N, C-alpha and C. Protein backbone atom coordinates (compact mmCIF):
# COMPACT_ATOMS: atom_id res chain seq x y z
N UNK A 1 -1.83 22.79 24.89
CA UNK A 1 -0.91 22.19 23.94
C UNK A 1 -1.70 21.57 22.79
N UNK A 2 -1.36 21.91 21.57
CA UNK A 2 -2.04 21.41 20.39
C UNK A 2 -1.39 20.12 19.92
N UNK A 3 -2.23 19.12 19.62
CA UNK A 3 -1.72 17.86 19.11
C UNK A 3 -1.63 17.94 17.59
N UNK A 4 -0.47 17.60 17.07
CA UNK A 4 -0.27 17.60 15.62
C UNK A 4 -0.76 16.26 15.09
N UNK A 5 -1.70 16.30 14.11
CA UNK A 5 -2.18 15.03 13.57
C UNK A 5 -1.06 14.28 12.85
N UNK A 6 -1.03 12.98 13.07
CA UNK A 6 -0.01 12.19 12.42
C UNK A 6 -0.57 11.57 11.14
N UNK A 7 0.31 11.38 10.21
CA UNK A 7 -0.08 10.75 8.95
C UNK A 7 -0.08 9.24 9.14
N UNK A 8 -0.89 8.53 8.36
CA UNK A 8 -0.99 7.08 8.53
C UNK A 8 0.30 6.33 8.23
N UNK A 9 0.44 5.20 8.89
CA UNK A 9 1.58 4.30 8.69
C UNK A 9 1.12 3.13 7.85
N UNK A 10 1.81 2.87 6.77
CA UNK A 10 1.54 1.71 5.92
C UNK A 10 2.65 0.71 6.13
N UNK A 11 2.29 -0.57 6.23
CA UNK A 11 3.31 -1.61 6.38
C UNK A 11 3.10 -2.70 5.35
N UNK A 12 4.21 -3.23 4.89
CA UNK A 12 4.21 -4.37 3.98
C UNK A 12 4.97 -5.48 4.69
N UNK A 13 4.23 -6.51 5.09
CA UNK A 13 4.86 -7.67 5.71
C UNK A 13 5.05 -8.72 4.62
N UNK A 14 6.28 -9.15 4.46
CA UNK A 14 6.62 -10.04 3.35
C UNK A 14 7.43 -11.23 3.86
N UNK A 15 7.44 -12.29 3.07
CA UNK A 15 8.19 -13.50 3.41
C UNK A 15 9.61 -13.40 2.83
N UNK A 16 10.62 -13.28 3.69
CA UNK A 16 11.99 -13.21 3.17
C UNK A 16 12.46 -14.54 2.58
N UNK A 17 11.93 -15.64 3.09
CA UNK A 17 12.31 -16.95 2.56
C UNK A 17 11.81 -17.15 1.13
N UNK A 18 10.75 -16.42 0.76
CA UNK A 18 10.19 -16.49 -0.60
C UNK A 18 10.87 -15.49 -1.53
N UNK A 19 11.84 -14.73 -1.00
CA UNK A 19 12.56 -13.70 -1.77
C UNK A 19 11.64 -12.59 -2.27
N UNK A 20 10.75 -12.12 -1.41
CA UNK A 20 9.81 -11.07 -1.79
C UNK A 20 10.24 -9.68 -1.33
N UNK A 21 11.47 -9.53 -0.88
CA UNK A 21 11.96 -8.21 -0.45
C UNK A 21 11.94 -7.22 -1.61
N UNK A 22 12.43 -7.61 -2.78
CA UNK A 22 12.49 -6.67 -3.91
C UNK A 22 11.09 -6.23 -4.34
N UNK A 23 10.16 -7.16 -4.37
CA UNK A 23 8.77 -6.82 -4.71
C UNK A 23 8.22 -5.83 -3.69
N UNK A 24 8.48 -6.09 -2.41
CA UNK A 24 8.01 -5.22 -1.34
C UNK A 24 8.63 -3.83 -1.44
N UNK A 25 9.94 -3.77 -1.69
CA UNK A 25 10.63 -2.49 -1.80
C UNK A 25 10.12 -1.69 -2.99
N UNK A 26 9.87 -2.37 -4.11
CA UNK A 26 9.35 -1.68 -5.29
C UNK A 26 7.96 -1.10 -5.00
N UNK A 27 7.10 -1.90 -4.35
CA UNK A 27 5.76 -1.40 -4.02
C UNK A 27 5.85 -0.24 -3.04
N UNK A 28 6.75 -0.33 -2.07
CA UNK A 28 6.93 0.77 -1.12
C UNK A 28 7.36 2.04 -1.84
N UNK A 29 8.29 1.91 -2.78
CA UNK A 29 8.75 3.06 -3.55
C UNK A 29 7.61 3.69 -4.35
N UNK A 30 6.81 2.86 -5.00
CA UNK A 30 5.67 3.35 -5.77
C UNK A 30 4.67 4.09 -4.87
N UNK A 31 4.40 3.53 -3.70
CA UNK A 31 3.45 4.15 -2.78
C UNK A 31 4.00 5.45 -2.19
N UNK A 32 5.28 5.46 -1.85
CA UNK A 32 5.88 6.69 -1.33
C UNK A 32 5.91 7.79 -2.37
N UNK A 33 6.12 7.42 -3.62
CA UNK A 33 6.14 8.41 -4.70
C UNK A 33 4.74 8.99 -4.90
N UNK A 34 3.74 8.14 -4.90
CA UNK A 34 2.36 8.58 -5.15
C UNK A 34 1.76 9.30 -3.95
N UNK A 35 2.09 8.85 -2.74
CA UNK A 35 1.46 9.38 -1.53
C UNK A 35 2.47 10.06 -0.60
N UNK A 36 3.46 10.75 -1.18
CA UNK A 36 4.52 11.35 -0.37
C UNK A 36 4.01 12.35 0.65
N UNK A 37 2.90 13.02 0.36
CA UNK A 37 2.35 14.00 1.31
C UNK A 37 1.26 13.41 2.19
N UNK A 38 0.86 12.17 1.92
CA UNK A 38 -0.29 11.59 2.60
C UNK A 38 0.06 10.48 3.59
N UNK A 39 1.24 9.87 3.44
CA UNK A 39 1.67 8.80 4.33
C UNK A 39 2.79 9.30 5.24
N UNK A 40 2.75 8.89 6.47
CA UNK A 40 3.81 9.25 7.41
C UNK A 40 4.98 8.29 7.35
N UNK A 41 4.69 7.05 6.95
CA UNK A 41 5.73 6.03 6.95
C UNK A 41 5.28 4.85 6.11
N UNK A 42 6.24 4.22 5.46
CA UNK A 42 6.02 2.92 4.82
C UNK A 42 7.10 2.00 5.38
N UNK A 43 6.64 0.95 6.06
CA UNK A 43 7.56 0.02 6.72
C UNK A 43 7.58 -1.31 6.00
N UNK A 44 8.77 -1.88 5.86
CA UNK A 44 8.93 -3.23 5.32
C UNK A 44 9.23 -4.15 6.49
N UNK A 45 8.41 -5.18 6.66
CA UNK A 45 8.52 -6.06 7.81
C UNK A 45 8.74 -7.49 7.35
N UNK A 46 9.93 -8.05 7.60
CA UNK A 46 10.15 -9.46 7.26
C UNK A 46 9.28 -10.33 8.18
N UNK A 47 8.50 -11.22 7.58
CA UNK A 47 7.58 -12.05 8.33
C UNK A 47 8.25 -13.35 8.78
N UNK A 48 7.83 -13.83 9.92
CA UNK A 48 8.28 -15.13 10.39
C UNK A 48 7.36 -16.23 9.87
N UNK A 49 6.27 -15.83 9.23
CA UNK A 49 5.29 -16.78 8.69
C UNK A 49 5.55 -16.95 7.20
N UNK A 50 5.84 -18.18 6.79
CA UNK A 50 6.16 -18.46 5.39
C UNK A 50 4.99 -18.09 4.47
N UNK A 51 5.33 -17.46 3.36
CA UNK A 51 4.33 -17.13 2.34
C UNK A 51 3.51 -15.89 2.60
N UNK A 52 3.80 -15.18 3.67
CA UNK A 52 3.00 -14.00 4.00
C UNK A 52 3.39 -12.81 3.13
N UNK A 53 2.36 -12.12 2.64
CA UNK A 53 2.52 -10.85 1.95
C UNK A 53 1.25 -10.06 2.23
N UNK A 54 1.33 -9.19 3.23
CA UNK A 54 0.18 -8.45 3.70
C UNK A 54 0.48 -6.97 3.74
N UNK A 55 -0.45 -6.18 3.22
CA UNK A 55 -0.29 -4.73 3.21
C UNK A 55 -1.37 -4.14 4.11
N UNK A 56 -0.92 -3.32 5.07
CA UNK A 56 -1.82 -2.74 6.06
C UNK A 56 -1.63 -1.23 6.17
N UNK A 57 -2.72 -0.54 6.48
CA UNK A 57 -2.65 0.85 6.89
C UNK A 57 -3.11 0.86 8.34
N UNK A 58 -2.21 1.30 9.20
CA UNK A 58 -2.42 1.20 10.64
C UNK A 58 -2.70 -0.27 10.96
N UNK A 59 -3.88 -0.60 11.49
CA UNK A 59 -4.19 -1.98 11.86
C UNK A 59 -5.18 -2.63 10.89
N UNK A 60 -5.45 -1.99 9.77
CA UNK A 60 -6.43 -2.52 8.82
C UNK A 60 -5.72 -3.16 7.63
N UNK A 61 -6.07 -4.41 7.36
CA UNK A 61 -5.49 -5.11 6.20
C UNK A 61 -6.14 -4.60 4.93
N UNK A 62 -5.30 -4.08 4.02
CA UNK A 62 -5.78 -3.64 2.71
C UNK A 62 -5.70 -4.77 1.68
N UNK A 63 -4.64 -5.57 1.81
CA UNK A 63 -4.46 -6.65 0.84
C UNK A 63 -3.69 -7.78 1.51
N UNK A 64 -4.19 -9.00 1.33
CA UNK A 64 -3.52 -10.18 1.86
C UNK A 64 -3.39 -11.19 0.73
N UNK A 65 -2.16 -11.55 0.40
CA UNK A 65 -1.90 -12.46 -0.72
C UNK A 65 -2.59 -13.80 -0.55
N UNK A 66 -2.57 -14.33 0.65
CA UNK A 66 -3.20 -15.64 0.88
C UNK A 66 -4.72 -15.56 0.71
N UNK A 67 -5.31 -14.50 1.20
CA UNK A 67 -6.77 -14.33 1.09
C UNK A 67 -7.18 -14.15 -0.37
N UNK A 68 -6.40 -13.36 -1.12
CA UNK A 68 -6.75 -13.05 -2.51
C UNK A 68 -6.24 -14.10 -3.49
N UNK A 69 -5.22 -14.87 -3.08
CA UNK A 69 -4.66 -15.88 -3.96
C UNK A 69 -3.74 -15.34 -5.02
N UNK A 70 -3.23 -14.12 -4.80
CA UNK A 70 -2.37 -13.46 -5.79
C UNK A 70 -1.74 -12.23 -5.15
N UNK A 71 -0.80 -11.63 -5.87
CA UNK A 71 -0.23 -10.35 -5.47
C UNK A 71 -1.10 -9.23 -6.06
N UNK A 72 -1.10 -8.05 -5.44
CA UNK A 72 -1.87 -6.94 -6.01
C UNK A 72 -1.14 -6.33 -7.21
N UNK A 73 -1.90 -5.88 -8.18
CA UNK A 73 -1.34 -5.04 -9.24
C UNK A 73 -1.08 -3.68 -8.60
N UNK A 74 -0.07 -2.97 -9.07
CA UNK A 74 0.28 -1.69 -8.43
C UNK A 74 -0.85 -0.67 -8.57
N UNK A 75 -1.54 -0.68 -9.70
CA UNK A 75 -2.68 0.23 -9.89
C UNK A 75 -3.76 -0.05 -8.84
N UNK A 76 -4.06 -1.32 -8.64
CA UNK A 76 -5.06 -1.73 -7.65
C UNK A 76 -4.62 -1.32 -6.24
N UNK A 77 -3.35 -1.53 -5.93
CA UNK A 77 -2.84 -1.19 -4.60
C UNK A 77 -2.92 0.31 -4.34
N UNK A 78 -2.56 1.10 -5.34
CA UNK A 78 -2.66 2.56 -5.18
C UNK A 78 -4.10 2.99 -4.94
N UNK A 79 -5.04 2.35 -5.61
CA UNK A 79 -6.45 2.68 -5.41
C UNK A 79 -6.91 2.31 -4.01
N UNK A 80 -6.48 1.15 -3.51
CA UNK A 80 -6.84 0.73 -2.16
C UNK A 80 -6.28 1.70 -1.12
N UNK A 81 -5.02 2.11 -1.29
CA UNK A 81 -4.40 3.04 -0.36
C UNK A 81 -5.09 4.39 -0.45
N UNK A 82 -5.33 4.87 -1.65
CA UNK A 82 -6.01 6.16 -1.83
C UNK A 82 -7.38 6.14 -1.15
N UNK A 83 -8.16 5.08 -1.37
CA UNK A 83 -9.50 5.00 -0.80
C UNK A 83 -9.48 5.04 0.73
N UNK A 84 -8.41 4.52 1.32
CA UNK A 84 -8.30 4.50 2.77
C UNK A 84 -7.70 5.79 3.34
N UNK A 85 -6.66 6.30 2.69
CA UNK A 85 -5.88 7.40 3.25
C UNK A 85 -6.37 8.78 2.81
N UNK A 86 -6.70 8.93 1.55
CA UNK A 86 -7.12 10.24 1.03
C UNK A 86 -8.06 10.06 -0.16
N UNK A 87 -9.34 9.73 0.11
CA UNK A 87 -10.29 9.39 -0.94
C UNK A 87 -10.49 10.47 -1.99
N UNK A 88 -10.17 11.71 -1.67
CA UNK A 88 -10.36 12.80 -2.63
C UNK A 88 -9.23 12.91 -3.64
N UNK A 89 -8.15 12.19 -3.43
CA UNK A 89 -6.95 12.30 -4.28
C UNK A 89 -7.19 11.65 -5.64
N UNK A 90 -6.79 12.34 -6.68
CA UNK A 90 -6.85 11.79 -8.03
C UNK A 90 -5.56 11.03 -8.31
N UNK A 91 -5.70 9.87 -8.92
CA UNK A 91 -4.53 9.08 -9.29
C UNK A 91 -4.21 9.19 -10.77
N UNK A 92 -4.83 10.13 -11.44
CA UNK A 92 -4.55 10.33 -12.86
C UNK A 92 -4.90 9.10 -13.67
N UNK A 93 -3.96 8.64 -14.48
CA UNK A 93 -4.23 7.51 -15.37
C UNK A 93 -4.47 6.20 -14.62
N UNK A 94 -4.09 6.13 -13.35
CA UNK A 94 -4.30 4.92 -12.55
C UNK A 94 -5.65 4.93 -11.83
N UNK A 95 -6.43 5.97 -12.05
CA UNK A 95 -7.67 6.12 -11.30
C UNK A 95 -8.81 5.34 -11.91
N UNK A 96 -9.43 4.48 -11.12
CA UNK A 96 -10.54 3.67 -11.60
C UNK A 96 -11.78 4.51 -11.87
N UNK A 97 -11.87 5.69 -11.25
CA UNK A 97 -13.05 6.54 -11.41
C UNK A 97 -12.86 7.62 -12.47
N UNK A 98 -11.77 7.58 -13.14
CA UNK A 98 -11.46 8.60 -14.13
C UNK A 98 -12.46 8.52 -15.28
N UNK A 99 -12.95 9.66 -15.73
CA UNK A 99 -13.84 9.70 -16.88
C UNK A 99 -13.08 9.29 -18.12
N UNK A 100 -13.66 8.38 -18.86
CA UNK A 100 -13.00 7.92 -20.08
C UNK A 100 -13.86 8.32 -21.27
N UNK A 101 -13.40 9.34 -21.98
CA UNK A 101 -14.13 9.77 -23.17
C UNK A 101 -13.40 9.32 -24.41
N UNK A 102 -14.14 8.95 -25.41
CA UNK A 102 -13.54 8.47 -26.66
C UNK A 102 -13.91 9.36 -27.80
């Protein structure tokens, strides 16, 4: 029996008391649009811990608002996800490694 490889699961744990659901949903939409073939799931998880906003791939924290002292920019978040999930993927204009000729 052949095992089918599963695509990574990304989760966004957010504080519902801080009204961060819309921010979380927007980021999830952006990530699903960019990584539709690379992610198996994007989960939104209401946190029981006040002020939490953590983005993880599987069990690895990619971004933690408390640790960084801010929310991620969407360009930065896409780069973090790309570097973890599919490092060969080009992000076009959002790519930090893109050659910039003038």
